[in-house]
N, C-alpha and C. Protein backbone atom coordinates (compact mmCIF):
# COMPACT_ATOMS: atom_id res chain seq x y z
N MET A 1 -3.92 51.37 82.68
CA MET A 1 -3.88 50.95 84.13
C MET A 1 -3.00 49.68 84.26
N PRO A 2 -2.08 49.87 84.96
CA PRO A 2 -0.98 48.27 85.22
C PRO A 2 -1.88 47.43 85.78
N GLN A 3 -1.57 46.43 85.41
CA GLN A 3 -2.12 45.15 86.15
C GLN A 3 -1.21 44.54 87.29
N LEU A 4 -2.10 44.90 88.53
CA LEU A 4 -1.24 45.06 89.97
C LEU A 4 -1.14 43.36 90.32
N THR A 5 -0.29 43.01 91.00
CA THR A 5 0.22 42.07 91.79
C THR A 5 0.17 42.33 93.26
N GLU A 6 0.33 41.13 93.98
CA GLU A 6 0.07 41.20 95.40
C GLU A 6 1.37 42.12 95.79
N ALA A 7 2.61 41.90 95.17
CA ALA A 7 3.67 42.68 95.18
C ALA A 7 3.89 43.86 95.21
N ASP A 8 2.80 44.57 94.41
CA ASP A 8 2.48 46.12 94.13
C ASP A 8 1.68 46.66 95.00
N VAL A 9 0.93 46.00 95.90
CA VAL A 9 0.04 46.60 96.90
C VAL A 9 0.45 46.34 98.41
N THR A 10 -0.19 47.21 99.31
CA THR A 10 0.36 46.86 100.58
C THR A 10 -1.07 46.61 101.20
N PHE A 11 -1.11 45.22 102.11
CA PHE A 11 -2.17 44.73 102.57
C PHE A 11 -2.26 45.11 104.26
N THR A 12 -3.45 45.53 104.59
CA THR A 12 -3.74 45.82 105.91
C THR A 12 -4.88 44.83 106.45
N VAL A 13 -4.94 44.18 107.53
CA VAL A 13 -5.80 43.55 107.95
C VAL A 13 -6.18 44.10 109.56
N ALA A 14 -7.74 44.09 109.52
CA ALA A 14 -8.37 44.85 110.73
C ALA A 14 -9.24 43.76 111.18
N ILE A 15 -9.74 44.23 112.47
CA ILE A 15 -11.05 43.64 112.78
C ILE A 15 -11.86 44.79 113.12
N GLU A 16 -13.23 44.63 112.91
CA GLU A 16 -14.39 45.66 113.56
C GLU A 16 -15.38 44.77 113.89
N PRO A 17 -16.36 45.76 115.07
CA PRO A 17 -17.29 45.26 115.47
C PRO A 17 -18.13 44.44 114.55
N GLU A 18 -18.98 43.44 115.07
CA GLU A 18 -19.95 42.61 113.90
C GLU A 18 -21.23 42.95 114.57
N ASP A 19 -22.09 43.36 113.84
CA ASP A 19 -23.74 43.43 114.01
C ASP A 19 -24.79 42.20 113.95
N ILE A 20 -23.93 41.19 113.51
CA ILE A 20 -24.77 40.03 113.25
C ILE A 20 -24.88 39.32 114.86
N PRO A 21 -26.04 39.05 115.06
CA PRO A 21 -26.42 38.15 116.55
C PRO A 21 -25.68 37.10 116.53
N ILE A 22 -24.77 36.83 117.71
CA ILE A 22 -24.01 35.58 117.62
C ILE A 22 -25.08 34.33 117.61
N ALA A 23 -26.12 34.52 118.11
CA ALA A 23 -26.78 33.15 118.11
C ALA A 23 -27.47 32.82 116.76
N ASP A 24 -27.50 33.67 115.78
CA ASP A 24 -27.96 33.47 114.49
C ASP A 24 -27.06 32.72 113.79
N GLN A 25 -25.46 32.69 114.36
CA GLN A 25 -24.44 31.85 113.26
C GLN A 25 -24.44 30.61 113.79
N PHE A 26 -24.62 30.37 115.05
CA PHE A 26 -24.44 28.92 115.60
C PHE A 26 -25.40 28.23 116.08
N ASP A 27 -25.74 27.20 115.96
CA ASP A 27 -26.78 26.05 116.48
C ASP A 27 -26.15 25.77 118.01
N ASP A 28 -25.10 25.51 118.07
CA ASP A 28 -24.44 24.92 119.64
C ASP A 28 -24.36 25.89 120.72
N PRO A 29 -25.29 25.97 121.69
CA PRO A 29 -25.48 26.83 122.82
C PRO A 29 -24.24 26.93 123.68
N GLN A 30 -23.25 26.05 123.63
CA GLN A 30 -21.91 26.13 124.58
C GLN A 30 -21.16 27.23 123.47
N THR A 31 -21.10 26.64 122.36
CA THR A 31 -20.22 27.92 121.47
C THR A 31 -20.79 29.26 121.62
N VAL A 32 -22.07 29.41 121.53
CA VAL A 32 -22.83 30.91 121.53
C VAL A 32 -22.54 31.45 122.83
N ALA A 33 -22.30 30.56 123.87
CA ALA A 33 -22.01 30.99 125.34
C ALA A 33 -20.70 31.32 125.41
N GLU A 34 -19.59 30.61 125.05
CA GLU A 34 -18.33 31.08 125.02
C GLU A 34 -17.76 32.26 124.31
N ILE A 35 -18.32 32.54 123.10
CA ILE A 35 -18.28 33.74 122.09
C ILE A 35 -18.94 34.93 122.77
N THR A 36 -20.00 34.65 123.23
CA THR A 36 -20.68 35.81 123.92
C THR A 36 -20.26 36.38 125.35
N ALA A 37 -19.47 35.37 126.08
CA ALA A 37 -18.69 35.58 127.33
C ALA A 37 -17.68 36.33 126.92
N ALA A 38 -16.71 35.96 125.97
CA ALA A 38 -15.52 36.56 125.61
C ALA A 38 -15.82 37.96 124.91
N HIS A 39 -16.84 38.06 124.23
CA HIS A 39 -17.21 39.59 123.55
C HIS A 39 -17.85 40.26 124.50
N ASN A 40 -18.65 39.82 125.52
CA ASN A 40 -19.08 40.79 126.71
C ASN A 40 -17.95 41.10 127.67
N ALA A 41 -16.84 40.34 127.79
CA ALA A 41 -15.49 40.70 128.50
C ALA A 41 -14.61 41.75 127.77
N GLY A 42 -15.28 42.17 126.56
CA GLY A 42 -14.46 43.08 125.82
C GLY A 42 -13.64 42.65 124.55
N SER A 43 -13.73 41.45 124.47
CA SER A 43 -12.64 41.06 123.53
C SER A 43 -13.28 41.11 121.92
N LEU A 44 -12.72 42.13 121.41
CA LEU A 44 -13.45 42.53 119.76
C LEU A 44 -13.05 40.99 119.10
N PRO A 45 -11.80 40.32 119.15
CA PRO A 45 -11.96 39.27 118.25
C PRO A 45 -12.87 38.31 118.19
N ALA A 46 -13.59 38.27 119.68
CA ALA A 46 -14.38 36.93 119.84
C ALA A 46 -15.68 37.01 118.88
N TRP A 47 -15.76 38.33 118.68
CA TRP A 47 -16.96 38.31 117.66
C TRP A 47 -16.99 39.75 116.76
N CYS A 48 -16.27 39.47 115.55
CA CYS A 48 -15.84 40.31 114.85
C CYS A 48 -16.25 40.18 113.19
N CYS A 49 -15.74 41.29 112.47
CA CYS A 49 -15.82 41.40 111.08
C CYS A 49 -14.34 41.45 110.54
N LEU A 50 -13.77 40.94 109.77
CA LEU A 50 -12.37 40.79 109.35
C LEU A 50 -12.47 41.41 108.02
N VAL A 51 -11.56 42.54 108.03
CA VAL A 51 -11.51 43.57 106.79
C VAL A 51 -9.96 43.51 106.15
N VAL A 52 -9.92 42.92 104.81
CA VAL A 52 -8.57 42.97 104.46
C VAL A 52 -8.69 44.12 103.37
N THR A 53 -7.55 45.08 103.56
CA THR A 53 -7.49 46.07 102.56
C THR A 53 -6.10 46.20 101.55
N ALA A 54 -6.45 46.55 100.50
CA ALA A 54 -5.18 46.45 99.55
C ALA A 54 -5.14 47.89 99.13
N THR A 55 -3.87 48.54 99.14
CA THR A 55 -3.61 49.99 99.03
C THR A 55 -2.70 50.03 97.93
N TRP A 56 -2.77 50.87 97.05
CA TRP A 56 -1.64 51.28 95.95
C TRP A 56 -1.54 52.23 95.67
N VAL A 57 -0.52 53.00 95.78
CA VAL A 57 -0.07 54.29 95.65
C VAL A 57 0.31 54.56 94.01
N ASP A 58 -0.31 55.44 93.16
CA ASP A 58 0.07 55.40 91.95
C ASP A 58 1.15 56.41 91.69
N PRO A 59 1.79 56.61 90.46
CA PRO A 59 2.91 57.17 90.05
C PRO A 59 2.96 58.92 90.71
N ASP A 60 1.50 59.46 90.82
CA ASP A 60 1.47 60.80 91.23
C ASP A 60 1.33 61.03 92.50
N GLY A 61 1.31 59.67 93.39
CA GLY A 61 1.40 59.68 94.67
C GLY A 61 -0.30 59.80 95.34
N ASN A 62 -1.11 59.42 94.40
CA ASN A 62 -2.38 59.14 94.84
C ASN A 62 -2.64 57.71 95.49
N GLU A 63 -3.41 57.66 96.32
CA GLU A 63 -3.69 56.51 97.21
C GLU A 63 -4.86 55.92 96.66
N HIS A 64 -4.99 54.59 96.44
CA HIS A 64 -6.16 53.81 95.94
C HIS A 64 -6.24 52.64 96.77
N SER A 65 -7.49 52.09 97.25
CA SER A 65 -7.80 51.06 98.15
C SER A 65 -8.95 50.60 98.06
N ALA A 66 -8.91 49.14 98.21
CA ALA A 66 -10.41 48.53 97.97
C ALA A 66 -10.34 47.18 99.39
N SER A 67 -11.43 46.92 99.76
CA SER A 67 -11.34 46.14 101.00
C SER A 67 -12.26 44.67 100.37
N ASP A 68 -11.79 43.78 101.28
CA ASP A 68 -12.84 42.60 101.33
C ASP A 68 -13.11 42.26 102.81
N TYR A 69 -14.42 42.06 102.74
CA TYR A 69 -15.01 41.85 104.37
C TYR A 69 -15.69 40.39 104.33
N LEU A 70 -15.43 40.05 105.74
CA LEU A 70 -15.76 38.75 106.14
C LEU A 70 -16.61 38.72 107.55
N GLY A 71 -17.92 38.63 107.63
CA GLY A 71 -18.40 38.94 109.00
C GLY A 71 -18.61 37.48 109.66
N GLY A 72 -19.02 37.94 110.85
CA GLY A 72 -19.34 36.55 111.60
C GLY A 72 -17.98 35.76 111.98
N CYS A 73 -17.13 36.42 112.37
CA CYS A 73 -15.75 35.75 112.75
C CYS A 73 -15.78 35.73 114.15
N SER A 74 -15.25 34.67 114.48
CA SER A 74 -14.75 34.39 116.10
C SER A 74 -13.70 34.03 116.16
N PHE A 75 -12.64 34.74 116.77
CA PHE A 75 -11.31 34.12 117.12
C PHE A 75 -10.89 34.43 118.83
N LEU A 76 -10.91 33.12 119.24
CA LEU A 76 -11.01 33.09 120.68
C LEU A 76 -9.51 32.58 121.23
N GLU A 77 -8.99 33.40 121.91
CA GLU A 77 -7.26 32.98 122.78
C GLU A 77 -7.64 31.66 123.09
N GLY A 78 -6.66 30.55 122.76
CA GLY A 78 -6.36 29.46 123.39
C GLY A 78 -7.54 28.35 122.71
N ILE A 79 -8.20 28.77 121.95
CA ILE A 79 -9.19 27.72 121.66
C ILE A 79 -8.36 26.57 120.32
N ARG A 80 -7.65 27.18 119.64
CA ARG A 80 -6.96 26.66 118.61
C ARG A 80 -5.53 27.01 118.61
N GLU A 81 -5.20 28.13 118.50
CA GLU A 81 -4.00 28.84 118.25
C GLU A 81 -3.98 30.29 118.45
N PRO A 82 -3.14 31.14 118.48
CA PRO A 82 -3.12 32.56 118.96
C PRO A 82 -3.81 33.08 118.02
N ILE A 83 -4.60 34.35 118.46
CA ILE A 83 -5.61 34.95 117.70
C ILE A 83 -4.89 35.57 116.37
N LYS A 84 -3.51 36.18 116.43
CA LYS A 84 -3.10 36.35 115.37
C LYS A 84 -2.95 35.23 113.95
N SER A 85 -2.74 34.14 114.40
CA SER A 85 -2.40 32.77 113.43
C SER A 85 -3.92 32.50 112.89
N GLN A 86 -4.85 32.71 113.87
CA GLN A 86 -6.25 32.31 113.36
C GLN A 86 -6.54 33.41 112.45
N ILE A 87 -6.47 34.65 112.62
CA ILE A 87 -6.68 35.53 111.57
C ILE A 87 -5.90 35.39 110.17
N ALA A 88 -4.63 35.06 110.43
CA ALA A 88 -4.00 34.95 108.99
C ALA A 88 -4.61 33.50 108.43
N ALA A 89 -4.59 32.58 109.23
CA ALA A 89 -5.32 31.55 108.55
C ALA A 89 -6.71 31.55 107.70
N CYS A 90 -7.45 32.30 108.65
CA CYS A 90 -8.85 32.94 107.76
C CYS A 90 -8.79 33.62 106.75
N VAL A 91 -7.75 34.70 106.54
CA VAL A 91 -7.41 35.49 105.49
C VAL A 91 -7.08 34.55 104.43
N GLU A 92 -6.07 33.69 104.52
CA GLU A 92 -5.66 32.90 103.58
C GLU A 92 -6.68 31.75 103.16
N ASP A 93 -7.51 31.27 103.92
CA ASP A 93 -8.41 30.29 103.59
C ASP A 93 -9.62 30.73 102.64
N HIS A 94 -9.91 31.96 103.07
CA HIS A 94 -10.95 32.72 102.24
C HIS A 94 -10.63 33.55 101.09
N GLY A 95 -9.02 33.53 100.83
CA GLY A 95 -8.56 34.31 99.59
C GLY A 95 -8.86 35.77 99.61
N MET A 96 -8.99 36.41 100.95
CA MET A 96 -9.23 38.03 101.06
C MET A 96 -8.26 38.63 100.67
N LYS A 97 -7.11 38.34 100.45
CA LYS A 97 -6.14 39.21 99.57
C LYS A 97 -6.41 39.53 98.29
N GLY A 98 -6.33 38.20 97.77
CA GLY A 98 -6.61 38.19 96.27
C GLY A 98 -8.26 38.75 95.94
N GLN A 99 -9.01 38.59 96.55
CA GLN A 99 -10.38 39.45 96.44
C GLN A 99 -10.37 41.11 96.64
N ALA A 100 -9.53 41.48 97.71
CA ALA A 100 -9.22 42.94 97.66
C ALA A 100 -8.42 43.39 96.50
N LEU A 101 -7.44 42.58 96.02
CA LEU A 101 -6.56 42.94 95.27
C LEU A 101 -7.43 42.74 93.51
N THR A 102 -8.42 42.38 93.55
CA THR A 102 -9.32 42.28 92.38
C THR A 102 -10.24 43.47 92.47
N THR A 103 -10.70 43.51 93.52
CA THR A 103 -11.75 44.81 93.75
C THR A 103 -10.96 46.15 93.43
N LEU A 104 -9.57 46.08 93.83
CA LEU A 104 -8.80 47.29 93.76
C LEU A 104 -8.77 47.62 91.92
N GLN A 105 -8.21 46.36 91.27
CA GLN A 105 -8.30 46.53 90.03
C GLN A 105 -9.13 47.06 89.14
N GLN A 106 -10.22 46.41 89.70
CA GLN A 106 -11.52 46.79 88.92
C GLN A 106 -11.76 48.17 89.14
N ASP A 107 -11.78 48.76 90.58
CA ASP A 107 -12.21 50.13 90.59
C ASP A 107 -11.06 50.90 89.73
N LEU A 108 -9.76 50.56 89.67
CA LEU A 108 -8.77 51.14 88.84
C LEU A 108 -9.05 51.51 87.64
N ASP A 109 -9.67 50.27 87.00
CA ASP A 109 -9.74 49.83 85.68
C ASP A 109 -11.01 50.97 85.05
N ALA A 110 -12.06 50.94 86.12
CA ALA A 110 -13.05 51.80 86.04
C ALA A 110 -12.72 53.56 85.91
N ILE A 111 -11.90 53.76 86.91
CA ILE A 111 -11.31 55.14 86.76
C ILE A 111 -10.75 55.26 85.52
N ALA A 112 -9.88 54.56 85.24
CA ALA A 112 -9.00 54.54 83.50
C ALA A 112 -10.32 54.85 82.54
N ASP A 113 -11.10 53.90 82.67
CA ASP A 113 -12.19 53.82 81.58
C ASP A 113 -12.90 55.38 81.40
N ARG A 114 -13.15 55.71 82.47
CA ARG A 114 -14.02 57.19 82.59
C ARG A 114 -13.22 58.18 82.27
N GLU A 115 -11.66 58.05 82.40
CA GLU A 115 -11.17 59.21 81.99
C GLU A 115 -10.50 58.88 80.69
N ARG A 116 -10.72 58.10 79.87
CA ARG A 116 -10.18 57.80 78.57
C ARG A 116 -10.90 58.36 77.72
N PRO A 117 -10.37 59.57 76.95
CA PRO A 117 -10.92 60.13 75.63
C PRO A 117 -11.40 59.28 74.81
N ILE A 118 -12.46 59.49 74.03
CA ILE A 118 -13.08 58.68 73.07
C ILE A 118 -13.03 59.53 71.70
N VAL A 119 -12.57 58.95 70.64
CA VAL A 119 -12.70 59.69 69.49
C VAL A 119 -14.11 59.45 68.68
N LEU A 120 -14.84 60.64 68.52
CA LEU A 120 -16.43 60.30 68.22
C LEU A 120 -16.22 60.17 66.61
N ARG A 121 -15.46 60.72 65.87
CA ARG A 121 -15.20 60.60 64.47
C ARG A 121 -13.82 60.16 64.03
N SER A 122 -13.44 59.67 62.92
CA SER A 122 -12.26 59.33 62.72
C SER A 122 -11.32 60.49 62.52
N GLU A 123 -11.76 61.54 62.11
CA GLU A 123 -11.07 62.82 61.89
C GLU A 123 -10.53 63.15 63.31
N GLY A 124 -10.97 62.82 64.25
CA GLY A 124 -10.64 63.32 65.79
C GLY A 124 -11.03 64.84 66.24
N ALA A 125 -12.07 65.33 65.47
CA ALA A 125 -12.25 66.77 65.51
C ALA A 125 -12.61 66.89 67.01
N ARG A 126 -13.49 66.09 67.67
CA ARG A 126 -13.81 66.09 69.09
C ARG A 126 -13.66 65.19 69.77
N GLN A 127 -13.39 65.04 71.00
CA GLN A 127 -13.10 64.05 71.98
C GLN A 127 -14.04 64.07 73.09
N ALA A 128 -14.46 62.87 73.70
CA ALA A 128 -15.18 63.12 74.71
C ALA A 128 -15.13 61.84 75.82
N ARG A 129 -15.19 62.13 76.96
CA ARG A 129 -15.03 61.04 78.07
C ARG A 129 -16.26 60.44 78.19
N LYS A 130 -16.22 58.93 78.53
CA LYS A 130 -17.31 58.29 78.53
C LYS A 130 -18.69 58.85 79.38
N GLU A 131 -18.42 59.34 80.35
CA GLU A 131 -19.39 60.27 81.11
C GLU A 131 -20.28 61.30 79.99
N ASP A 132 -19.56 62.00 78.95
CA ASP A 132 -20.02 62.65 78.05
C ASP A 132 -21.03 62.04 77.06
N LEU A 133 -20.52 60.85 76.73
CA LEU A 133 -21.15 60.01 75.81
C LEU A 133 -22.51 59.44 76.43
N VAL A 134 -22.43 59.04 77.69
CA VAL A 134 -23.71 58.53 78.52
C VAL A 134 -24.53 59.79 78.41
N ASP A 135 -24.36 60.97 78.61
CA ASP A 135 -25.07 62.06 79.01
C ASP A 135 -25.48 62.43 77.12
N ILE A 136 -24.75 62.41 76.37
CA ILE A 136 -25.12 62.70 74.94
C ILE A 136 -26.19 61.46 74.48
N GLY A 137 -26.03 60.40 74.98
CA GLY A 137 -27.17 59.41 74.70
C GLY A 137 -28.38 59.69 75.00
N ARG A 138 -28.34 60.01 76.28
CA ARG A 138 -29.37 60.05 77.21
C ARG A 138 -30.19 61.62 76.78
N ALA A 139 -29.76 62.41 76.26
CA ALA A 139 -30.23 63.51 75.76
C ALA A 139 -30.77 63.31 74.57
N ILE A 140 -30.50 62.70 73.70
CA ILE A 140 -31.11 62.38 72.45
C ILE A 140 -32.20 61.32 72.55
N GLY A 141 -32.37 60.55 73.51
CA GLY A 141 -33.34 59.46 73.78
C GLY A 141 -32.68 58.46 73.76
N ALA A 142 -31.35 58.07 73.13
CA ALA A 142 -31.33 56.68 73.11
C ALA A 142 -31.01 55.85 74.67
N LYS A 143 -31.04 54.68 74.65
CA LYS A 143 -31.09 53.77 75.57
C LYS A 143 -29.98 53.32 76.27
N VAL A 144 -29.12 54.68 76.89
CA VAL A 144 -27.87 53.83 77.52
C VAL A 144 -27.86 53.60 78.77
N SER A 145 -26.43 53.28 79.14
CA SER A 145 -26.28 52.90 80.74
C SER A 145 -24.98 53.35 81.03
N ASP A 146 -24.62 53.50 82.60
CA ASP A 146 -23.30 53.76 82.58
C ASP A 146 -22.69 52.59 82.45
N GLY A 147 -22.94 51.36 82.72
CA GLY A 147 -22.00 50.12 82.34
C GLY A 147 -21.65 49.83 81.07
N MET A 148 -22.07 50.46 79.80
CA MET A 148 -22.03 50.00 78.50
C MET A 148 -20.53 50.37 78.18
N SER A 149 -19.82 49.38 77.39
CA SER A 149 -18.48 49.67 76.93
C SER A 149 -18.66 51.11 76.07
N LEU A 150 -17.31 51.59 75.83
CA LEU A 150 -17.33 52.74 75.41
C LEU A 150 -17.48 52.41 73.61
N ASP A 151 -17.04 51.31 72.98
CA ASP A 151 -17.55 51.03 71.71
C ASP A 151 -19.05 51.03 71.38
N LYS A 152 -19.62 50.47 72.53
CA LYS A 152 -21.22 50.18 72.34
C LYS A 152 -21.70 51.39 72.50
N LEU A 153 -21.35 52.58 73.31
CA LEU A 153 -21.87 53.62 73.42
C LEU A 153 -21.85 54.35 72.31
N ARG A 154 -20.80 54.52 71.73
CA ARG A 154 -20.33 55.26 70.37
C ARG A 154 -21.24 54.47 69.09
N THR A 155 -21.34 53.29 69.26
CA THR A 155 -21.96 52.80 67.98
C THR A 155 -23.68 52.90 68.14
N LEU A 156 -24.07 52.85 69.62
CA LEU A 156 -25.60 53.68 69.79
C LEU A 156 -25.79 54.86 69.62
N ILE A 157 -24.95 55.84 69.91
CA ILE A 157 -25.28 57.09 69.57
C ILE A 157 -25.33 57.43 68.33
N VAL A 158 -24.20 56.98 67.63
CA VAL A 158 -24.25 57.03 66.27
C VAL A 158 -25.47 56.55 65.53
N ALA A 159 -25.99 55.38 66.09
CA ALA A 159 -27.03 54.66 65.23
C ALA A 159 -28.19 55.62 65.42
N HIS A 160 -28.25 56.08 66.49
CA HIS A 160 -29.59 56.82 67.13
C HIS A 160 -29.64 58.18 66.29
N LEU A 161 -28.30 58.84 66.30
CA LEU A 161 -28.29 60.09 65.65
C LEU A 161 -28.76 59.81 63.95
N ASN A 162 -28.30 58.67 63.48
CA ASN A 162 -28.70 58.37 62.02
C ASN A 162 -30.08 58.41 61.83
N GLN A 163 -30.63 57.54 62.93
CA GLN A 163 -32.18 57.57 62.76
C GLN A 163 -32.87 58.78 62.80
N LEU A 164 -32.55 59.50 63.79
CA LEU A 164 -33.01 60.74 64.14
C LEU A 164 -32.95 61.75 62.77
N ASN A 165 -31.62 61.69 62.07
CA ASN A 165 -31.49 62.24 60.60
C ASN A 165 -32.56 61.93 59.59
N ARG A 166 -32.79 60.44 59.64
CA ARG A 166 -33.49 59.53 58.48
C ARG A 166 -35.10 60.37 58.63
N ASN A 167 -35.48 60.49 60.02
CA ASN A 167 -36.58 60.65 60.34
C ASN A 167 -36.71 62.08 60.27
N GLY A 168 -35.82 63.19 59.78
CA GLY A 168 -35.94 64.41 59.78
C GLY A 168 -36.38 65.49 60.92
N ARG A 169 -35.85 64.52 62.07
CA ARG A 169 -35.78 65.14 63.28
C ARG A 169 -34.64 65.80 63.48
N ILE A 170 -33.40 65.95 62.85
CA ILE A 170 -32.35 66.58 63.01
C ILE A 170 -31.80 67.38 61.72
N ASN A 171 -31.41 68.26 61.72
CA ASN A 171 -30.45 68.92 60.72
C ASN A 171 -29.16 68.69 60.64
N PRO A 172 -28.53 68.04 59.76
CA PRO A 172 -26.94 67.95 59.64
C PRO A 172 -26.41 69.44 59.58
N ILE A 173 -25.11 69.41 60.51
CA ILE A 173 -24.37 70.41 60.13
C ILE A 173 -23.61 70.31 58.85
N ARG A 174 -23.85 71.61 58.29
CA ARG A 174 -23.05 71.70 56.79
C ARG A 174 -21.82 72.88 56.97
């Protein structure tokens, strides 16, 4: 999977309704009253969750995206600067584009890792995907987890099969 940069993706910034009570976030009653009044008047930016989404289209035309969320945001017109500027500053201050990009890269790497064939023997007689190895490991009673690396899975399965063979619980194929 290629290492993506900000130039490789499209970022979108959106605001969504916030469920956290306003009074839970502020100690100042005047601030709570101002935000509540704007929110009750229908201003979504007055009390919202900020969402930054990084989207990348792979060479096959498949779209992949990941988002970063920041809840408990309040953007009020005329308090400091225009709302769009406030939102842009918040995205920058919290590194939301970088976090969305990092999450997207991790998701893409996980997809590539799951789809990468693994050679179980050096002769290359059989190839398996990571899910196959996890299933094999669980079927023979090895303590495997989805988060294990491919090398660790292969090593664990081979060691477990060798132990079963030494204990006479399996017969080698001849």
